[in-house]
Each structure stands twice: as C-alpha cells, then as structure tokens.
Amino acid sequence: MPLRIDLFTLFPAICQAYLAESILKRAQAAGLLDAQIHNIRDYAPGKHAMTDDLPYGGGGGMVMKPEPVFNAVEAVLGEPAARVGVPIILMTPQGRPFTQAVAQELARHQRLALVAGRYEGFDERIRQHLATDEISLGDFVLTGGELAALAIVDAVARLLPGALGDPTGAQDDSHASGLLEYPHFTRPPAFRGWAVPDVLLSGDHARIERWRREAALRRTFLRRPDMLLRLELSEADRAFLSRLAEEQAGRGQAPGRGPV
C-alpha cells in the first residue's frame, strides 16, 4: 500500500505545483505515495467561509478558527476512533525540530495528516484537542505552513523503498548516516584546472569507500562537530579525527569554522 499523506491548507495551488514534479511525481505514479491536498476553506461554515478571526484579548493579526480545521480533518480522516494511529501534525515554529530521524519515524506510518497554518497561528483548541504532534523546520517564522509541510512530504517520500533511482541513495544523504555527506564529482575529470581526486578514478572500491568515509568525517568535523558526539565511531574513524584535530590545531583553527 502507498503511504497516504493528507495535506490541509488554505492555499492548495502552492502544494499542487510542488507535488507534481520530480521524485514526488514519480513516487505517486509508481503507487508508492498517495498525496492528497484538502482546502480548509471548503469546510468553513457560513456563506462567507471565514477561516480566521480576531484574537480574544486583543493583539495584532488574525487566528485560524477551530471549526474549519476540525471539520476538514474529521471529514477526511473520520472521528477519533477511526484515526487512531494517524499522526495529525501542525506545522508551527513551536513544534519539535524536524530532523532526518523524525522523517524516518514518519515514514514508518501508513498515513499522515499535515495541517499548514496561516496568520498568527491556530486557535489553541486545535492544538489541544485535534493535533497529535507539532513540527518546526527551525528557529524561524514563515508566512505559512505550506513550505514546511512540503519539506516533510519530500523528506519522508524519498525514504520510501523504490522512490529514488539509487536503492541506497537515501542512506548516503547528509544526516541519514549521522554524518554530513561526502563530496561528489562527475565528468569532466578536470574543469578549469580543478581535478577530480585521483582515488575516485582508481577503480579501487575499498579505497574509494574509505576516502568517502574520511571526507564525510572531515566535513562533519569542520562544519557540524556537534553531530560527532551522537555518532558511534570505529577505531579507524577515531584515529582519523585525532589526526584531523592535530592538523587544525597546528593551523590555529577550531572545529566548526569555515566550509570544506
């Protein structure tokens, strides 16, 4: 069965365009992903279909009303007993940070619901009595939750078996292994005087594998040393990082300083 993702939004066209291209398009065509977009405004009561209103207590901005969101989710997913085990996720900067580990967690479900907010946020009763989770892309604020929801759909969909052309592609991605990904090169072997590392042209798969591991360790050490604290390292890894630390110290540089 495909992974079913229901995306609730006030701006369906934003989401439709992204879902109709590239890997997400192919995943849907292959029956791996079933992404459905629902317009929250279609479920708003009254002839004016109001989805937002002024906040009680005053203050700037508008707040998303509870009725349209509850109506939309209940019409698509059913009553509480029918949606047990289906995460209903609010896109909000107040949520838990989205990581590759969270993407892997979500990919294990058969169905997900993502609710993209707008304005100043959601009526608190949506958080308390409808949502089961809240996720944030980071410590910043977007105009709406659509970009965050699409990022989650993309990150989760690429983990589905068969979604990528390379069966191990998702395993090699940055963060998937706990490291930033190693550098990639392709033709031509020399471009404007910059050559591809000889080891990648050697055909020696063991050497290439070790080079890639050390390149990933180096990049992570220099850009995101905090990631190494959570990683299980081999003796060879530790020896390489020790040499790298000595090199950096000799240059008067600290980890996490500058691109590599």
C-alpha atoms as a PDB file:
ATOM      1  CA  MET A   1       0.000   0.000   0.000  1.00  0.00           C
ATOM      2  CA  PRO A   2       1.210   3.546  -0.699  1.00  0.00           C
ATOM      3  CA  LEU A   3       1.931   5.965   2.098  1.00  0.00           C
ATOM      4  CA  ARG A   4      -1.094   8.251   2.300  1.00  0.00           C
ATOM      5  CA  ILE A   5      -0.409  11.887   3.219  1.00  0.00           C
ATOM      6  CA  ASP A   6      -3.307  14.312   3.657  1.00  0.00           C
ATOM      7  CA  LEU A   7      -2.211  17.939   3.493  1.00  0.00           C
ATOM      8  CA  PHE A   8      -4.667  20.541   4.810  1.00  0.00           C
ATOM      9  CA  THR A   9      -4.090  24.098   3.605  1.00  0.00           C
ATOM     10  CA  LEU A  10      -5.746  27.373   2.638  1.00  0.00           C
ATOM     11  CA  PHE A  11      -3.572  27.561  -0.483  1.00  0.00           C
ATOM     12  CA  PRO A  12      -3.785  24.249  -2.397  1.00  0.00           C
ATOM     13  CA  ALA A  13      -2.134  25.643  -5.537  1.00  0.00           C
ATOM     14  CA  ILE A  14       1.151  26.173  -3.670  1.00  0.00           C
ATOM     15  CA  CYS A  15       1.264  22.493  -2.772  1.00  0.00           C
ATOM     16  CA  GLN A  16      -0.067  21.094  -6.044  1.00  0.00           C
ATOM     17  CA  ALA A  17       2.765  22.599  -8.068  1.00  0.00           C
ATOM     18  CA  TYR A  18       5.492  21.030  -5.937  1.00  0.00           C
ATOM     19  CA  LEU A  19       3.839  17.625  -5.694  1.00  0.00           C
ATOM     20  CA  ALA A  20       3.530  17.467  -9.488  1.00  0.00           C
ATOM     21  CA  GLU A  21       7.264  17.434 -10.202  1.00  0.00           C
ATOM     22  CA  SER A  22      10.365  15.243  -9.919  1.00  0.00           C
ATOM     23  CA  ILE A  23      10.655  12.482  -7.299  1.00  0.00           C
ATOM     24  CA  LEU A  24       7.276  13.187  -5.702  1.00  0.00           C
ATOM     25  CA  LYS A  25       5.537  12.949  -9.063  1.00  0.00           C
ATOM     26  CA  ARG A  26       7.271   9.649  -9.846  1.00  0.00           C
ATOM     27  CA  ALA A  27       6.561   8.234  -6.386  1.00  0.00           C
ATOM     28  CA  GLN A  28       2.864   8.919  -6.865  1.00  0.00           C
ATOM     29  CA  ALA A  29       2.837   7.492 -10.389  1.00  0.00           C
ATOM     30  CA  ALA A  30       4.555   4.340  -9.093  1.00  0.00           C
ATOM     31  CA  GLY A  31       1.929   3.864  -6.386  1.00  0.00           C
ATOM     32  CA  LEU A  32       4.401   4.476  -3.547  1.00  0.00           C
ATOM     33  CA  LEU A  33       2.874   7.745  -2.359  1.00  0.00           C
ATOM     34  CA  ASP A  34      -0.716   8.974  -2.262  1.00  0.00           C
ATOM     35  CA  ALA A  35      -0.604  12.709  -1.517  1.00  0.00           C
ATOM     36  CA  GLN A  36      -3.988  14.386  -1.182  1.00  0.00           C
ATOM     37  CA  ILE A  37      -4.497  18.136  -0.756  1.00  0.00           C
ATOM     38  CA  HIS A  38      -7.561  19.482   1.066  1.00  0.00           C
ATOM     39  CA  ASN A  39      -8.667  23.106   1.064  1.00  0.00           C
ATOM     40  CA  ILE A  40      -9.584  24.057   4.641  1.00  0.00           C
ATOM     41  CA  ARG A  41     -11.796  26.859   3.322  1.00  0.00           C
ATOM     42  CA  ASP A  42     -14.125  24.278   1.759  1.00  0.00           C
ATOM     43  CA  TYR A  43     -15.035  23.156   5.281  1.00  0.00           C
ATOM     44  CA  ALA A  44     -15.684  26.595   6.781  1.00  0.00           C
ATOM     45  CA  PRO A  45     -19.310  27.186   7.862  1.00  0.00           C
ATOM     46  CA  GLY A  46     -21.354  30.154   6.684  1.00  0.00           C
ATOM     47  CA  LYS A  47     -21.726  31.804   3.305  1.00  0.00           C
ATOM     48  CA  HIS A  48     -18.506  33.779   3.739  1.00  0.00           C
ATOM     49  CA  ALA A  49     -16.456  30.658   4.613  1.00  0.00           C
ATOM     50  CA  MET A  50     -14.423  32.502   7.253  1.00  0.00           C
ATOM     51  CA  THR A  51     -11.293  30.655   8.323  1.00  0.00           C
ATOM     52  CA  ASP A  52      -9.787  33.312  10.605  1.00  0.00           C
ATOM     53  CA  ASP A  53     -10.899  35.854  13.183  1.00  0.00           C
ATOM     54  CA  LEU A  54      -9.567  38.419  15.648  1.00  0.00           C
ATOM     55  CA  PRO A  55      -7.908  37.010  18.782  1.00  0.00           C
ATOM     56  CA  TYR A  56      -9.707  37.293  22.100  1.00  0.00           C
ATOM     57  CA  GLY A  57      -7.872  39.697  24.377  1.00  0.00           C
ATOM     58  CA  GLY A  58      -6.694  41.863  21.503  1.00  0.00           C
ATOM     59  CA  GLY A  59      -3.407  41.966  19.694  1.00  0.00           C
ATOM     60  CA  GLY A  60      -2.306  42.142  16.104  1.00  0.00           C
ATOM     61  CA  GLY A  61      -3.030  39.626  13.386  1.00  0.00           C
ATOM     62  CA  MET A  62      -5.706  37.016  12.886  1.00  0.00           C
ATOM     63  CA  VAL A  63      -6.074  33.492  14.263  1.00  0.00           C
ATOM     64  CA  MET A  64      -7.226  30.376  12.409  1.00  0.00           C
ATOM     65  CA  LYS A  65     -10.679  29.374  13.623  1.00  0.00           C
ATOM     66  CA  PRO A  66     -11.201  25.879  15.043  1.00  0.00           C
ATOM     67  CA  GLU A  67     -14.375  24.945  13.124  1.00  0.00           C
ATOM     68  CA  PRO A  68     -12.899  24.754   9.579  1.00  0.00           C
ATOM     69  CA  VAL A  69      -9.834  22.799  10.704  1.00  0.00           C
ATOM     70  CA  PHE A  70     -11.799  20.320  12.816  1.00  0.00           C
ATOM     71  CA  ASN A  71     -14.397  19.934  10.053  1.00  0.00           C
ATOM     72  CA  ALA A  72     -11.750  19.303   7.394  1.00  0.00           C
ATOM     73  CA  VAL A  73      -9.753  16.751   9.380  1.00  0.00           C
ATOM     74  CA  GLU A  74     -12.848  14.903  10.611  1.00  0.00           C
ATOM     75  CA  ALA A  75     -14.390  14.793   7.128  1.00  0.00           C
ATOM     76  CA  VAL A  76     -11.220  13.271   5.641  1.00  0.00           C
ATOM     77  CA  LEU A  77      -9.917  11.120   8.499  1.00  0.00           C
ATOM     78  CA  GLY A  78     -13.132  10.347  10.355  1.00  0.00           C
ATOM     79  CA  GLU A  79     -13.976  10.554  14.026  1.00  0.00           C
ATOM     80  CA  PRO A  80     -11.301   9.983  16.725  1.00  0.00           C
ATOM     81  CA  ALA A  81     -11.763   6.202  16.842  1.00  0.00           C
ATOM     82  CA  ALA A  82     -11.193   5.932  13.082  1.00  0.00           C
ATOM     83  CA  ARG A  83      -7.989   7.946  13.079  1.00  0.00           C
ATOM     84  CA  VAL A  84      -6.158   6.209  15.907  1.00  0.00           C
ATOM     85  CA  GLY A  85      -2.508   5.787  14.926  1.00  0.00           C
ATOM     86  CA  VAL A  86      -2.627   8.531  12.285  1.00  0.00           C
ATOM     87  CA  PRO A  87      -0.359  11.447  13.256  1.00  0.00           C
ATOM     88  CA  ILE A  88      -2.131  14.798  12.834  1.00  0.00           C
ATOM     89  CA  ILE A  89       0.753  17.244  12.636  1.00  0.00           C
ATOM     90  CA  LEU A  90       0.594  21.024  12.898  1.00  0.00           C
ATOM     91  CA  MET A  91       3.268  22.997  11.059  1.00  0.00           C
ATOM     92  CA  THR A  92       4.372  25.549  13.649  1.00  0.00           C
ATOM     93  CA  PRO A  93       7.617  27.159  14.866  1.00  0.00           C
ATOM     94  CA  GLN A  94       6.568  25.997  18.344  1.00  0.00           C
ATOM     95  CA  GLY A  95       6.872  22.328  17.357  1.00  0.00           C
ATOM     96  CA  ARG A  96       9.673  19.823  17.818  1.00  0.00           C
ATOM     97  CA  PRO A  97      12.544  20.261  15.347  1.00  0.00           C
ATOM     98  CA  PHE A  98      12.295  18.289  12.115  1.00  0.00           C
ATOM     99  CA  THR A  99      15.305  16.029  11.559  1.00  0.00           C
ATOM    100  CA  GLN A 100      16.204  13.039   9.420  1.00  0.00           C
ATOM    101  CA  ALA A 101      15.358  10.822  12.394  1.00  0.00           C
ATOM    102  CA  VAL A 102      11.858  12.346  12.519  1.00  0.00           C
ATOM    103  CA  ALA A 103      11.489  11.776   8.768  1.00  0.00           C
ATOM    104  CA  GLN A 104      12.389   8.109   9.277  1.00  0.00           C
ATOM    105  CA  GLU A 105       9.884   7.893  12.138  1.00  0.00           C
ATOM    106  CA  LEU A 106       7.087   9.331   9.995  1.00  0.00           C
ATOM    107  CA  ALA A 107       7.959   7.098   7.032  1.00  0.00           C
ATOM    108  CA  ARG A 108       7.049   4.061   9.143  1.00  0.00           C
ATOM    109  CA  HIS A 109       3.394   5.134   9.289  1.00  0.00           C
ATOM    110  CA  GLN A 110       0.798   4.134   6.716  1.00  0.00           C
ATOM    111  CA  ARG A 111      -0.917   7.523   6.846  1.00  0.00           C
ATOM    112  CA  LEU A 112      -0.051  11.077   7.921  1.00  0.00           C
ATOM    113  CA  ALA A 113      -2.008  14.320   8.144  1.00  0.00           C
ATOM    114  CA  LEU A 114      -0.214  17.665   7.876  1.00  0.00           C
ATOM    115  CA  VAL A 115      -2.018  20.900   8.749  1.00  0.00           C
ATOM    116  CA  ALA A 116      -0.499  24.100   7.365  1.00  0.00           C
ATOM    117  CA  GLY A 117      -1.406  27.223   9.287  1.00  0.00           C
ATOM    118  CA  ARG A 118      -1.547  30.884   8.298  1.00  0.00           C
ATOM    119  CA  TYR A 119      -1.933  34.260  10.002  1.00  0.00           C
ATOM    120  CA  GLU A 120      -0.850  34.474  13.670  1.00  0.00           C
ATOM    121  CA  GLY A 121      -1.373  30.758  14.239  1.00  0.00           C
ATOM    122  CA  PHE A 122      -4.011  28.263  15.350  1.00  0.00           C
ATOM    123  CA  ASP A 123      -6.787  28.542  17.888  1.00  0.00           C
ATOM    124  CA  GLU A 124      -5.328  26.709  20.889  1.00  0.00           C
ATOM    125  CA  ARG A 125      -8.176  24.172  20.883  1.00  0.00           C
ATOM    126  CA  ILE A 126      -6.805  22.789  17.605  1.00  0.00           C
ATOM    127  CA  ARG A 127      -3.535  22.060  19.390  1.00  0.00           C
ATOM    128  CA  GLN A 128      -5.179  20.651  22.488  1.00  0.00           C
ATOM    129  CA  HIS A 129      -7.953  18.520  21.032  1.00  0.00           C
ATOM    130  CA  LEU A 130      -7.146  17.680  17.394  1.00  0.00           C
ATOM    131  CA  ALA A 131      -3.413  17.631  16.704  1.00  0.00           C
ATOM    132  CA  THR A 132      -1.241  14.772  17.925  1.00  0.00           C
ATOM    133  CA  ASP A 133       2.092  16.383  17.058  1.00  0.00           C
ATOM    134  CA  GLU A 134       3.672  19.721  16.153  1.00  0.00           C
ATOM    135  CA  ILE A 135       6.757  20.070  13.965  1.00  0.00           C
ATOM    136  CA  SER A 136       9.019  23.012  13.157  1.00  0.00           C
ATOM    137  CA  LEU A 137      11.604  23.301  10.390  1.00  0.00           C
ATOM    138  CA  GLY A 138      13.777  25.510  12.581  1.00  0.00           C
ATOM    139  CA  ASP A 139      14.006  28.598  14.708  1.00  0.00           C
ATOM    140  CA  PHE A 140      12.451  30.983  12.210  1.00  0.00           C
ATOM    141  CA  VAL A 141       8.972  32.010  11.100  1.00  0.00           C
ATOM    142  CA  LEU A 142       7.422  31.522   7.654  1.00  0.00           C
ATOM    143  CA  THR A 143       4.346  33.208   6.204  1.00  0.00           C
ATOM    144  CA  GLY A 144       2.526  29.891   6.242  1.00  0.00           C
ATOM    145  CA  GLY A 145       2.997  26.210   6.905  1.00  0.00           C
ATOM    146  CA  GLU A 146       2.883  25.023   3.304  1.00  0.00           C
ATOM    147  CA  LEU A 147       6.636  25.105   2.734  1.00  0.00           C
ATOM    148  CA  ALA A 148       7.215  23.199   5.970  1.00  0.00           C
ATOM    149  CA  ALA A 149       4.581  20.613   5.070  1.00  0.00           C
ATOM    150  CA  LEU A 150       6.070  20.111   1.600  1.00  0.00           C
ATOM    151  CA  ALA A 151       9.542  19.721   3.102  1.00  0.00           C
ATOM    152  CA  ILE A 152       8.216  16.940   5.311  1.00  0.00           C
ATOM    153  CA  VAL A 153       6.426  15.229   2.400  1.00  0.00           C
ATOM    154  CA  ASP A 154       9.632  15.395   0.353  1.00  0.00           C
ATOM    155  CA  ALA A 155      11.917  14.123   3.121  1.00  0.00           C
ATOM    156  CA  VAL A 156       9.552  11.274   4.012  1.00  0.00           C
ATOM    157  CA  ALA A 157       8.759  10.260   0.427  1.00  0.00           C
ATOM    158  CA  ARG A 158      12.404   9.822  -0.548  1.00  0.00           C
ATOM    159  CA  LEU A 159      12.719   7.222   2.226  1.00  0.00           C
ATOM    160  CA  LEU A 160      10.057   5.001   0.663  1.00  0.00           C
ATOM    161  CA  PRO A 161      11.612   1.902  -0.944  1.00  0.00           C
ATOM    162  CA  GLY A 162      11.783   2.458  -4.707  1.00  0.00           C
ATOM    163  CA  ALA A 163      11.246   6.231  -4.582  1.00  0.00           C
ATOM    164  CA  LEU A 164      14.842   7.009  -5.585  1.00  0.00           C
ATOM    165  CA  GLY A 165      16.686   5.698  -8.621  1.00  0.00           C
ATOM    166  CA  ASP A 166      19.576   4.622  -6.378  1.00  0.00           C
ATOM    167  CA  PRO A 167      18.354   2.000  -3.849  1.00  0.00           C
ATOM    168  CA  THR A 168      20.899   3.221  -1.283  1.00  0.00           C
ATOM    169  CA  GLY A 169      20.611   6.917  -2.150  1.00  0.00           C
ATOM    170  CA  ALA A 170      18.655   7.897   0.956  1.00  0.00           C
ATOM    171  CA  GLN A 171      21.129   6.035   3.176  1.00  0.00           C
ATOM    172  CA  ASP A 172      24.017   8.157   1.885  1.00  0.00           C
ATOM    173  CA  ASP A 173      22.300  11.529   2.291  1.00  0.00           C
ATOM    174  CA  SER A 174      23.594  14.060   4.788  1.00  0.00           C
ATOM    175  CA  HIS A 175      22.255  13.277   8.283  1.00  0.00           C
ATOM    176  CA  ALA A 176      20.955   9.837   7.260  1.00  0.00           C
ATOM    177  CA  SER A 177      24.177   8.184   8.430  1.00  0.00           C
ATOM    178  CA  GLY A 178      24.782  10.672  11.217  1.00  0.00           C
ATOM    179  CA  LEU A 179      27.399  12.494   9.112  1.00  0.00           C
ATOM    180  CA  LEU A 180      27.281  15.212   6.502  1.00  0.00           C
ATOM    181  CA  GLU A 181      27.557  13.655   3.067  1.00  0.00           C
ATOM    182  CA  TYR A 182      30.931  13.274   1.340  1.00  0.00           C
ATOM    183  CA  PRO A 183      31.754  15.420  -1.763  1.00  0.00           C
ATOM    184  CA  HIS A 184      30.546  14.296  -5.190  1.00  0.00           C
ATOM    185  CA  PHE A 185      32.293  14.699  -8.561  1.00  0.00           C
ATOM    186  CA  THR A 186      31.280  13.880 -12.139  1.00  0.00           C
ATOM    187  CA  ARG A 187      32.585  14.444 -15.674  1.00  0.00           C
ATOM    188  CA  PRO A 188      34.777  16.087 -16.846  1.00  0.00           C
ATOM    189  CA  PRO A 189      37.720  14.803 -14.765  1.00  0.00           C
ATOM    190  CA  ALA A 190      39.335  18.262 -14.999  1.00  0.00           C
ATOM    191  CA  PHE A 191      37.433  21.555 -15.118  1.00  0.00           C
ATOM    192  CA  ARG A 192      39.191  24.934 -15.249  1.00  0.00           C
ATOM    193  CA  GLY A 193      42.243  23.354 -13.707  1.00  0.00           C
ATOM    194  CA  TRP A 194      40.326  21.706 -10.835  1.00  0.00           C
ATOM    195  CA  ALA A 195      40.778  17.945 -10.950  1.00  0.00           C
ATOM    196  CA  VAL A 196      38.687  15.144  -9.530  1.00  0.00           C
ATOM    197  CA  PRO A 197      40.576  13.337  -6.702  1.00  0.00           C
ATOM    198  CA  ASP A 198      42.655  10.526  -8.178  1.00  0.00           C
ATOM    199  CA  VAL A 199      41.220   7.941  -5.795  1.00  0.00           C
ATOM    200  CA  LEU A 200      37.770   8.344  -7.362  1.00  0.00           C
ATOM    201  CA  LEU A 201      39.205   7.444 -10.764  1.00  0.00           C
ATOM    202  CA  SER A 202      41.211   4.481  -9.474  1.00  0.00           C
ATOM    203  CA  GLY A 203      38.502   1.824  -9.626  1.00  0.00           C
ATOM    204  CA  ASP A 204      39.648   0.596  -6.198  1.00  0.00           C
ATOM    205  CA  HIS A 205      36.318   0.351  -4.382  1.00  0.00           C
ATOM    206  CA  ALA A 206      37.842  -0.218  -0.940  1.00  0.00           C
ATOM    207  CA  ARG A 207      39.986   2.930  -1.256  1.00  0.00           C
ATOM    208  CA  ILE A 208      37.041   4.906  -2.598  1.00  0.00           C
ATOM    209  CA  GLU A 209      34.849   3.774   0.279  1.00  0.00           C
ATOM    210  CA  ARG A 210      37.468   4.797   2.846  1.00  0.00           C
ATOM    211  CA  TRP A 211      38.051   8.147   1.090  1.00  0.00           C
ATOM    212  CA  ARG A 212      34.336   8.873   1.189  1.00  0.00           C
ATOM    213  CA  ARG A 213      34.099   7.955   4.856  1.00  0.00           C
ATOM    214  CA  GLU A 214      37.036  10.174   5.755  1.00  0.00           C
ATOM    215  CA  ALA A 215      35.700  13.011   3.576  1.00  0.00           C
ATOM    216  CA  ALA A 216      32.340  12.788   5.376  1.00  0.00           C
ATOM    217  CA  LEU A 217      34.095  12.759   8.753  1.00  0.00           C
ATOM    218  CA  ARG A 218      36.236  15.742   7.749  1.00  0.00           C
ATOM    219  CA  ARG A 219      33.263  17.764   6.510  1.00  0.00           C
ATOM    220  CA  THR A 220      31.247  16.974   9.633  1.00  0.00           C
ATOM    221  CA  PHE A 221      34.172  17.772  11.940  1.00  0.00           C
ATOM    222  CA  LEU A 222      34.711  21.147  10.278  1.00  0.00           C
ATOM    223  CA  ARG A 223      31.084  22.159   9.770  1.00  0.00           C
ATOM    224  CA  ARG A 224      28.987  20.329  12.362  1.00  0.00           C
ATOM    225  CA  PRO A 225      31.252  18.859  15.068  1.00  0.00           C
ATOM    226  CA  ASP A 226      28.211  18.538  17.366  1.00  0.00           C
ATOM    227  CA  MET A 227      26.978  15.658  15.191  1.00  0.00           C
ATOM    228  CA  LEU A 228      30.033  13.565  16.027  1.00  0.00           C
ATOM    229  CA  LEU A 229      29.040  13.498  19.698  1.00  0.00           C
ATOM    230  CA  ARG A 230      25.981  11.395  18.818  1.00  0.00           C
ATOM    231  CA  LEU A 231      27.731   9.033  16.413  1.00  0.00           C
ATOM    232  CA  GLU A 232      29.180   5.583  17.048  1.00  0.00           C
ATOM    233  CA  LEU A 233      32.705   5.749  15.648  1.00  0.00           C
ATOM    234  CA  SER A 234      35.114   2.971  14.712  1.00  0.00           C
ATOM    235  CA  GLU A 235      38.741   2.917  15.803  1.00  0.00           C
ATOM    236  CA  ALA A 236      39.753   3.968  12.294  1.00  0.00           C
ATOM    237  CA  ASP A 237      37.309   6.888  12.475  1.00  0.00           C
ATOM    238  CA  ARG A 238      38.688   7.996  15.821  1.00  0.00           C
ATOM    239  CA  ALA A 239      42.258   7.799  14.571  1.00  0.00           C
ATOM    240  CA  PHE A 240      41.406   9.887  11.523  1.00  0.00           C
ATOM    241  CA  LEU A 241      39.585  12.516  13.607  1.00  0.00           C
ATOM    242  CA  SER A 242      42.509  12.666  16.009  1.00  0.00           C
ATOM    243  CA  ARG A 243      44.890  13.390  13.116  1.00  0.00           C
ATOM    244  CA  LEU A 244      42.454  15.948  11.748  1.00  0.00           C
ATOM    245  CA  ALA A 245      42.201  17.703  15.129  1.00  0.00           C
ATOM    246  CA  GLU A 246      46.003  17.874  15.319  1.00  0.00           C
ATOM    247  CA  GLU A 247      46.120  19.383  11.826  1.00  0.00           C
ATOM    248  CA  GLN A 248      43.545  22.009  12.765  1.00  0.00           C
ATOM    249  CA  ALA A 249      45.323  22.832  15.996  1.00  0.00           C
ATOM    250  CA  GLY A 250      48.565  23.263  14.073  1.00  0.00           C
ATOM    251  CA  ARG A 251      46.849  25.803  11.850  1.00  0.00           C
ATOM    252  CA  GLY A 252      45.267  27.560  14.815  1.00  0.00           C
ATOM    253  CA  GLN A 253      41.758  26.648  13.630  1.00  0.00           C
ATOM    254  CA  ALA A 254      38.882  25.211  15.640  1.00  0.00           C
ATOM    255  CA  PRO A 255      36.225  22.700  14.510  1.00  0.00           C
ATOM    256  CA  GLY A 256      33.098  24.208  13.063  1.00  0.00           C
ATOM    257  CA  ARG A 257      34.988  27.084  11.436  1.00  0.00           C
ATOM    258  CA  GLY A 258      34.722  27.573   7.687  1.00  0.00           C
ATOM    259  CA  PRO A 259      33.495  25.490   4.733  1.00  0.00           C
ATOM    260  CA  VAL A 260      35.176  22.366   3.401  1.00  0.00           C
END
